[in-house]
Amino acid sequence: MTTAVQLQGACDPRFTPVRDAFAENFAARGEVGAAVCVYVDGAPVADLRGGHADAARTKPWGRNTVEAVYASLGAK
């Protein structure tokens, strides 16, 4: 399924590959809705969201959409 989704949020130009990979989940993999936030040294470098909060695709994914969270502190 190919879906054109307008992404919202901000992304530091150095992290354009992160934005591109996130967008590909919608375009090539049929992602319904998602968000990603990446911090480096305590500062956000990518804070993106897009798609829908429901399978029927009637509710846009918003800044306050509830989601599962995964945090990685990096390689040790």
PDB file of N, CA and C in Angstrom:
ATOM      1  N   MET A   1       0.849  -1.178   0.000  1.00  0.00           N
ATOM      2  CA  MET A   1       0.000   0.000   0.000  1.00  0.00           C
ATOM      3  C   MET A   1       0.892   1.237   0.000  1.00  0.00           C
ATOM      4  N   THR A   2       0.658   2.143  -0.918  1.00  0.00           N
ATOM      5  CA  THR A   2       1.412   3.387  -0.984  1.00  0.00           C
ATOM      6  C   THR A   2       0.548   4.495  -0.423  1.00  0.00           C
ATOM      7  N   THR A   3       1.051   5.177   0.570  1.00  0.00           N
ATOM      8  CA  THR A   3       0.300   6.233   1.226  1.00  0.00           C
ATOM      9  C   THR A   3       1.166   7.474   1.340  1.00  0.00           C
ATOM     10  N   ALA A   4       0.661   8.599   0.823  1.00  0.00           N
ATOM     11  CA  ALA A   4       1.372   9.866   0.978  1.00  0.00           C
ATOM     12  C   ALA A   4       0.908  10.498   2.284  1.00  0.00           C
ATOM     13  N   VAL A   5       1.821  10.696   3.195  1.00  0.00           N
ATOM     14  CA  VAL A   5       1.501  11.261   4.500  1.00  0.00           C
ATOM     15  C   VAL A   5       2.350  12.501   4.703  1.00  0.00           C
ATOM     16  N   GLN A   6       1.685  13.566   5.136  1.00  0.00           N
ATOM     17  CA  GLN A   6       2.419  14.780   5.459  1.00  0.00           C
ATOM     18  C   GLN A   6       2.942  14.653   6.883  1.00  0.00           C
ATOM     19  N   LEU A   7       4.252  14.751   7.024  1.00  0.00           N
ATOM     20  CA  LEU A   7       4.852  14.675   8.352  1.00  0.00           C
ATOM     21  C   LEU A   7       4.774  16.029   9.024  1.00  0.00           C
ATOM     22  N   GLN A   8       4.630  16.007  10.335  1.00  0.00           N
ATOM     23  CA  GLN A   8       4.640  17.227  11.132  1.00  0.00           C
ATOM     24  C   GLN A   8       5.794  17.139  12.107  1.00  0.00           C
ATOM     25  N   GLY A   9       6.216  18.283  12.606  1.00  0.00           N
ATOM     26  CA  GLY A   9       7.287  18.309  13.580  1.00  0.00           C
ATOM     27  C   GLY A   9       8.534  18.957  13.007  1.00  0.00           C
ATOM     28  N   ALA A  10       9.652  18.690  13.660  1.00  0.00           N
ATOM     29  CA  ALA A  10      10.912  19.315  13.273  1.00  0.00           C
ATOM     30  C   ALA A  10      12.006  18.265  13.162  1.00  0.00           C
ATOM     31  N   CYS A  11      12.989  18.578  12.305  1.00  0.00           N
ATOM     32  CA  CYS A  11      14.120  17.675  12.137  1.00  0.00           C
ATOM     33  C   CYS A  11      15.341  18.498  11.757  1.00  0.00           C
ATOM     34  N   ASP A  12      16.385  18.378  12.564  1.00  0.00           N
ATOM     35  CA  ASP A  12      17.654  19.030  12.259  1.00  0.00           C
ATOM     36  C   ASP A  12      18.131  18.521  10.897  1.00  0.00           C
ATOM     37  N   PRO A  13      18.611  19.398  10.028  1.00  0.00           N
ATOM     38  CA  PRO A  13      19.069  18.969   8.702  1.00  0.00           C
ATOM     39  C   PRO A  13      20.106  17.843   8.727  1.00  0.00           C
ATOM     40  N   ARG A  14      20.887  17.751   9.785  1.00  0.00           N
ATOM     41  CA  ARG A  14      21.873  16.664   9.893  1.00  0.00           C
ATOM     42  C   ARG A  14      21.202  15.303  10.031  1.00  0.00           C
ATOM     43  N   PHE A  15      19.910  15.285  10.398  1.00  0.00           N
ATOM     44  CA  PHE A  15      19.199  14.039  10.630  1.00  0.00           C
ATOM     45  C   PHE A  15      18.123  13.783   9.581  1.00  0.00           C
ATOM     46  N   THR A  16      18.324  14.336   8.390  1.00  0.00           N
ATOM     47  CA  THR A  16      17.405  14.099   7.276  1.00  0.00           C
ATOM     48  C   THR A  16      17.222  12.609   6.988  1.00  0.00           C
ATOM     49  N   PRO A  17      18.267  11.773   7.090  1.00  0.00           N
ATOM     50  CA  PRO A  17      18.050  10.330   6.878  1.00  0.00           C
ATOM     51  C   PRO A  17      17.045   9.720   7.862  1.00  0.00           C
ATOM     52  N   VAL A  18      16.969  10.232   9.078  1.00  0.00           N
ATOM     53  CA  VAL A  18      15.971   9.758  10.043  1.00  0.00           C
ATOM     54  C   VAL A  18      14.575  10.111   9.534  1.00  0.00           C
ATOM     55  N   ARG A  19      14.397  11.368   9.086  1.00  0.00           N
ATOM     56  CA  ARG A  19      13.102  11.791   8.543  1.00  0.00           C
ATOM     57  C   ARG A  19      12.734  10.952   7.321  1.00  0.00           C
ATOM     58  N   ASP A  20      13.694  10.714   6.441  1.00  0.00           N
ATOM     59  CA  ASP A  20      13.428   9.933   5.235  1.00  0.00           C
ATOM     60  C   ASP A  20      13.017   8.500   5.561  1.00  0.00           C
ATOM     61  N   ALA A  21      13.702   7.873   6.523  1.00  0.00           N
ATOM     62  CA  ALA A  21      13.355   6.508   6.923  1.00  0.00           C
ATOM     63  C   ALA A  21      11.974   6.467   7.568  1.00  0.00           C
ATOM     64  N   PHE A  22      11.658   7.491   8.365  1.00  0.00           N
ATOM     65  CA  PHE A  22      10.339   7.563   8.996  1.00  0.00           C
ATOM     66  C   PHE A  22       9.261   7.694   7.923  1.00  0.00           C
ATOM     67  N   ALA A  23       9.466   8.561   6.942  1.00  0.00           N
ATOM     68  CA  ALA A  23       8.494   8.753   5.856  1.00  0.00           C
ATOM     69  C   ALA A  23       8.324   7.471   5.045  1.00  0.00           C
ATOM     70  N   GLU A  24       9.404   6.718   4.867  1.00  0.00           N
ATOM     71  CA  GLU A  24       9.333   5.479   4.094  1.00  0.00           C
ATOM     72  C   GLU A  24       8.409   4.452   4.746  1.00  0.00           C
ATOM     73  N   ASN A  25       8.294   4.480   6.074  1.00  0.00           N
ATOM     74  CA  ASN A  25       7.372   3.563   6.746  1.00  0.00           C
ATOM     75  C   ASN A  25       5.937   3.772   6.286  1.00  0.00           C
ATOM     76  N   PHE A  26       5.575   4.991   5.951  1.00  0.00           N
ATOM     77  CA  PHE A  26       4.235   5.277   5.445  1.00  0.00           C
ATOM     78  C   PHE A  26       4.142   4.925   3.960  1.00  0.00           C
ATOM     79  N   ALA A  27       5.106   5.385   3.181  1.00  0.00           N
ATOM     80  CA  ALA A  27       5.056   5.237   1.734  1.00  0.00           C
ATOM     81  C   ALA A  27       5.223   3.794   1.265  1.00  0.00           C
ATOM     82  N   ALA A  28       6.117   3.048   1.886  1.00  0.00           N
ATOM     83  CA  ALA A  28       6.438   1.712   1.397  1.00  0.00           C
ATOM     84  C   ALA A  28       5.922   0.575   2.274  1.00  0.00           C
ATOM     85  N   ARG A  29       5.614   0.867   3.515  1.00  0.00           N
ATOM     86  CA  ARG A  29       5.253  -0.217   4.442  1.00  0.00           C
ATOM     87  C   ARG A  29       3.833  -0.112   4.986  1.00  0.00           C
ATOM     88  N   GLY A  30       3.082   0.896   4.561  1.00  0.00           N
ATOM     89  CA  GLY A  30       1.683   1.000   4.969  1.00  0.00           C
ATOM     90  C   GLY A  30       1.455   1.397   6.417  1.00  0.00           C
ATOM     91  N   GLU A  31       2.434   2.055   7.030  1.00  0.00           N
ATOM     92  CA  GLU A  31       2.258   2.522   8.416  1.00  0.00           C
ATOM     93  C   GLU A  31       0.998   3.373   8.503  1.00  0.00           C
ATOM     94  N   VAL A  32       0.194   3.170   9.551  1.00  0.00           N
ATOM     95  CA  VAL A  32      -1.030   3.943   9.743  1.00  0.00           C
ATOM     96  C   VAL A  32      -0.723   5.265  10.434  1.00  0.00           C
ATOM     97  N   GLY A  33      -0.004   5.216  11.531  1.00  0.00           N
ATOM     98  CA  GLY A  33       0.349   6.428  12.262  1.00  0.00           C
ATOM     99  C   GLY A  33       1.493   6.149  13.215  1.00  0.00           C
ATOM    100  N   ALA A  34       2.322   7.151  13.425  1.00  0.00           N
ATOM    101  CA  ALA A  34       3.483   6.950  14.280  1.00  0.00           C
ATOM    102  C   ALA A  34       4.113   8.283  14.642  1.00  0.00           C
ATOM    103  N   ALA A  35       5.017   8.213  15.606  1.00  0.00           N
ATOM    104  CA  ALA A  35       5.808   9.373  16.001  1.00  0.00           C
ATOM    105  C   ALA A  35       7.187   8.877  16.392  1.00  0.00           C
ATOM    106  N   VAL A  36       8.176   9.756  16.244  1.00  0.00           N
ATOM    107  CA  VAL A  36       9.529   9.435  16.663  1.00  0.00           C
ATOM    108  C   VAL A  36      10.165  10.715  17.181  1.00  0.00           C
ATOM    109  N   CYS A  37      10.915  10.577  18.266  1.00  0.00           N
ATOM    110  CA  CYS A  37      11.649  11.718  18.808  1.00  0.00           C
ATOM    111  C   CYS A  37      13.040  11.218  19.174  1.00  0.00           C
ATOM    112  N   VAL A  38      14.057  11.880  18.644  1.00  0.00           N
ATOM    113  CA  VAL A  38      15.439  11.485  18.869  1.00  0.00           C
ATOM    114  C   VAL A  38      16.173  12.638  19.543  1.00  0.00           C
ATOM    115  N   TYR A  39      16.844  12.321  20.637  1.00  0.00           N
ATOM    116  CA  TYR A  39      17.645  13.309  21.362  1.00  0.00           C
ATOM    117  C   TYR A  39      19.121  12.939  21.245  1.00  0.00           C
ATOM    118  N   VAL A  40      19.960  13.938  21.102  1.00  0.00           N
ATOM    119  CA  VAL A  40      21.408  13.756  21.140  1.00  0.00           C
ATOM    120  C   VAL A  40      21.967  14.750  22.150  1.00  0.00           C
ATOM    121  N   ASP A  41      22.681  14.248  23.122  1.00  0.00           N
ATOM    122  CA  ASP A  41      23.250  15.086  24.176  1.00  0.00           C
ATOM    123  C   ASP A  41      22.193  15.968  24.840  1.00  0.00           C
ATOM    124  N   GLY A  42      21.011  15.403  25.061  1.00  0.00           N
ATOM    125  CA  GLY A  42      19.943  16.111  25.763  1.00  0.00           C
ATOM    126  C   GLY A  42      19.130  17.075  24.929  1.00  0.00           C
ATOM    127  N   ALA A  43      19.408  17.179  23.637  1.00  0.00           N
ATOM    128  CA  ALA A  43      18.669  18.100  22.769  1.00  0.00           C
ATOM    129  C   ALA A  43      17.932  17.315  21.684  1.00  0.00           C
ATOM    130  N   PRO A  44      16.669  17.689  21.395  1.00  0.00           N
ATOM    131  CA  PRO A  44      15.939  16.989  20.334  1.00  0.00           C
ATOM    132  C   PRO A  44      16.523  17.339  18.963  1.00  0.00           C
ATOM    133  N   VAL A  45      16.780  16.301  18.163  1.00  0.00           N
ATOM    134  CA  VAL A  45      17.284  16.512  16.806  1.00  0.00           C
ATOM    135  C   VAL A  45      16.268  16.058  15.758  1.00  0.00           C
ATOM    136  N   ALA A  46      15.285  15.274  16.180  1.00  0.00           N
ATOM    137  CA  ALA A  46      14.183  14.859  15.311  1.00  0.00           C
ATOM    138  C   ALA A  46      12.964  14.642  16.185  1.00  0.00           C
ATOM    139  N   ASP A  47      11.888  15.321  15.878  1.00  0.00           N
ATOM    140  CA  ASP A  47      10.628  15.182  16.603  1.00  0.00           C
ATOM    141  C   ASP A  47       9.529  15.183  15.541  1.00  0.00           C
ATOM    142  N   LEU A  48       9.165  13.983  15.075  1.00  0.00           N
ATOM    143  CA  LEU A  48       8.290  13.840  13.914  1.00  0.00           C
ATOM    144  C   LEU A  48       7.059  13.013  14.241  1.00  0.00           C
ATOM    145  N   ARG A  49       5.981  13.290  13.544  1.00  0.00           N
ATOM    146  CA  ARG A  49       4.747  12.513  13.671  1.00  0.00           C
ATOM    147  C   ARG A  49       3.997  12.591  12.351  1.00  0.00           C
ATOM    148  N   GLY A  50       3.119  11.613  12.135  1.00  0.00           N
ATOM    149  CA  GLY A  50       2.327  11.624  10.916  1.00  0.00           C
ATOM    150  C   GLY A  50       1.341  10.489  10.888  1.00  0.00           C
ATOM    151  N   GLY A  51       0.448  10.542   9.940  1.00  0.00           N
ATOM    152  CA  GLY A  51      -0.540   9.487   9.766  1.00  0.00           C
ATOM    153  C   GLY A  51      -1.752   9.675  10.647  1.00  0.00           C
ATOM    154  N   HIS A  52      -2.329   8.545  11.042  1.00  0.00           N
ATOM    155  CA  HIS A  52      -3.593   8.545  11.779  1.00  0.00           C
ATOM    156  C   HIS A  52      -3.488   7.753  13.078  1.00  0.00           C
ATOM    157  N   ALA A  53      -4.317   8.120  14.042  1.00  0.00           N
ATOM    158  CA  ALA A  53      -4.330   7.465  15.349  1.00  0.00           C
ATOM    159  C   ALA A  53      -5.288   6.281  15.397  1.00  0.00           C
ATOM    160  N   ASP A  54      -5.967   6.006  14.288  1.00  0.00           N
ATOM    161  CA  ASP A  54      -6.913   4.890  14.253  1.00  0.00           C
ATOM    162  C   ASP A  54      -6.823   4.166  12.911  1.00  0.00           C
ATOM    163  N   ALA A  55      -7.165   2.872  12.931  1.00  0.00           N
ATOM    164  CA  ALA A  55      -7.064   2.051  11.723  1.00  0.00           C
ATOM    165  C   ALA A  55      -7.991   2.530  10.614  1.00  0.00           C
ATOM    166  N   ALA A  56      -9.108   3.160  10.969  1.00  0.00           N
ATOM    167  CA  ALA A  56     -10.045   3.675   9.961  1.00  0.00           C
ATOM    168  C   ALA A  56      -9.515   4.946   9.289  1.00  0.00           C
ATOM    169  N   ARG A  57      -8.417   5.469   9.815  1.00  0.00           N
ATOM    170  CA  ARG A  57      -7.769   6.677   9.276  1.00  0.00           C
ATOM    171  C   ARG A  57      -8.709   7.885   9.280  1.00  0.00           C
ATOM    172  N   THR A  58      -9.407   8.042  10.417  1.00  0.00           N
ATOM    173  CA  THR A  58     -10.315   9.188  10.563  1.00  0.00           C
ATOM    174  C   THR A  58      -9.799  10.214  11.568  1.00  0.00           C
ATOM    175  N   LYS A  59      -8.862   9.806  12.436  1.00  0.00           N
ATOM    176  CA  LYS A  59      -8.312  10.714  13.451  1.00  0.00           C
ATOM    177  C   LYS A  59      -6.832  10.956  13.163  1.00  0.00           C
ATOM    178  N   PRO A  60      -6.460  12.188  12.861  1.00  0.00           N
ATOM    179  CA  PRO A  60      -5.045  12.458  12.587  1.00  0.00           C
ATOM    180  C   PRO A  60      -4.176  12.194  13.815  1.00  0.00           C
ATOM    181  N   TRP A  61      -2.960  11.730  13.560  1.00  0.00           N
ATOM    182  CA  TRP A  61      -1.990  11.548  14.634  1.00  0.00           C
ATOM    183  C   TRP A  61      -1.561  12.934  15.078  1.00  0.00           C
ATOM    184  N   GLY A  62      -1.808  13.274  16.316  1.00  0.00           N
ATOM    185  CA  GLY A  62      -1.502  14.611  16.809  1.00  0.00           C
ATOM    186  C   GLY A  62      -0.363  14.631  17.800  1.00  0.00           C
ATOM    187  N   ARG A  63      -0.037  15.814  18.209  1.00  0.00           N
ATOM    188  CA  ARG A  63       1.058  16.000  19.165  1.00  0.00           C
ATOM    189  C   ARG A  63       0.780  15.285  20.489  1.00  0.00           C
ATOM    190  N   ASN A  64      -0.487  15.116  20.857  1.00  0.00           N
ATOM    191  CA  ASN A  64      -0.848  14.498  22.133  1.00  0.00           C
ATOM    192  C   ASN A  64      -1.405  13.083  21.993  1.00  0.00           C
ATOM    193  N   THR A  65      -1.212  12.452  20.835  1.00  0.00           N
ATOM    194  CA  THR A  65      -1.678  11.079  20.657  1.00  0.00           C
ATOM    195  C   THR A  65      -0.878  10.163  21.585  1.00  0.00           C
ATOM    196  N   VAL A  66      -1.593   9.298  22.299  1.00  0.00           N
ATOM    197  CA  VAL A  66      -0.960   8.364  23.230  1.00  0.00           C
ATOM    198  C   VAL A  66      -0.286   7.260  22.422  1.00  0.00           C
ATOM    199  N   GLU A  67       0.933   6.898  22.816  1.00  0.00           N
ATOM    200  CA  GLU A  67       1.679   5.873  22.111  1.00  0.00           C
ATOM    201  C   GLU A  67       2.594   5.120  23.057  1.00  0.00           C
ATOM    202  N   ALA A  68       3.060   3.973  22.608  1.00  0.00           N
ATOM    203  CA  ALA A  68       4.054   3.215  23.362  1.00  0.00           C
ATOM    204  C   ALA A  68       5.393   3.935  23.226  1.00  0.00           C
ATOM    205  N   VAL A  69       6.204   3.875  24.268  1.00  0.00           N
ATOM    206  CA  VAL A  69       7.473   4.589  24.265  1.00  0.00           C
ATOM    207  C   VAL A  69       8.616   3.597  24.466  1.00  0.00           C
ATOM    208  N   TYR A  70       9.670   3.774  23.698  1.00  0.00           N
ATOM    209  CA  TYR A  70      10.892   2.982  23.840  1.00  0.00           C
ATOM    210  C   TYR A  70      12.051   3.953  23.937  1.00  0.00           C
ATOM    211  N   ALA A  71      12.879   3.783  24.911  1.00  0.00           N
ATOM    212  CA  ALA A  71      14.038   4.672  25.080  1.00  0.00           C
ATOM    213  C   ALA A  71      15.314   3.846  25.027  1.00  0.00           C
ATOM    214  N   SER A  72      16.277   4.381  24.323  1.00  0.00           N
ATOM    215  CA  SER A  72      17.587   3.744  24.266  1.00  0.00           C
ATOM    216  C   SER A  72      18.618   4.752  24.706  1.00  0.00           C
ATOM    217  N   LEU A  73      19.468   4.356  25.603  1.00  0.00           N
ATOM    218  CA  LEU A  73      20.507   5.262  26.099  1.00  0.00           C
ATOM    219  C   LEU A  73      21.807   5.079  25.328  1.00  0.00           C
ATOM    220  N   GLY A  74      21.770   4.316  24.255  1.00  0.00           N
ATOM    221  CA  GLY A  74      22.957   4.141  23.432  1.00  0.00           C
ATOM    222  C   GLY A  74      23.762   2.922  23.845  1.00  0.00           C
ATOM    223  N   ALA A  75      24.748   2.636  23.048  1.00  0.00           N
ATOM    224  CA  ALA A  75      25.609   1.468  23.294  1.00  0.00           C
ATOM    225  C   ALA A  75      26.500   1.720  24.505  1.00  0.00           C
ATOM    226  N   LYS A  76      26.710   0.698  25.263  1.00  0.00           N
ATOM    227  CA  LYS A  76      27.575   0.789  26.451  1.00  0.00           C
ATOM    228  C   LYS A  76      28.872   0.080  26.180  1.00  0.00           C
TER     229      LYS A  76
END
